[in-house]
Amino acid sequence: MATDRRSRAPRAATKAELEARIEQQRVDILVAASRWRSATRPIDVAVGTH
């Protein structure tokens, strides 16, 4: 039982770190996608595919 308690704390911390890292990656992807859309907008307008 004591072993379970000791292993839960590091596992919970690891899980929290992984979740935070995944959330940051999600935000980074959304920002990158927005920048790509903004960057290609002039091209799309010039070609007439908007």
Foldseek 3Di string as FASTA:
>chain_A
DVVVVVVVVVVVVVVVVVVVVVVVVVVVVVVVVVVVCVVCVVVCVVVVND
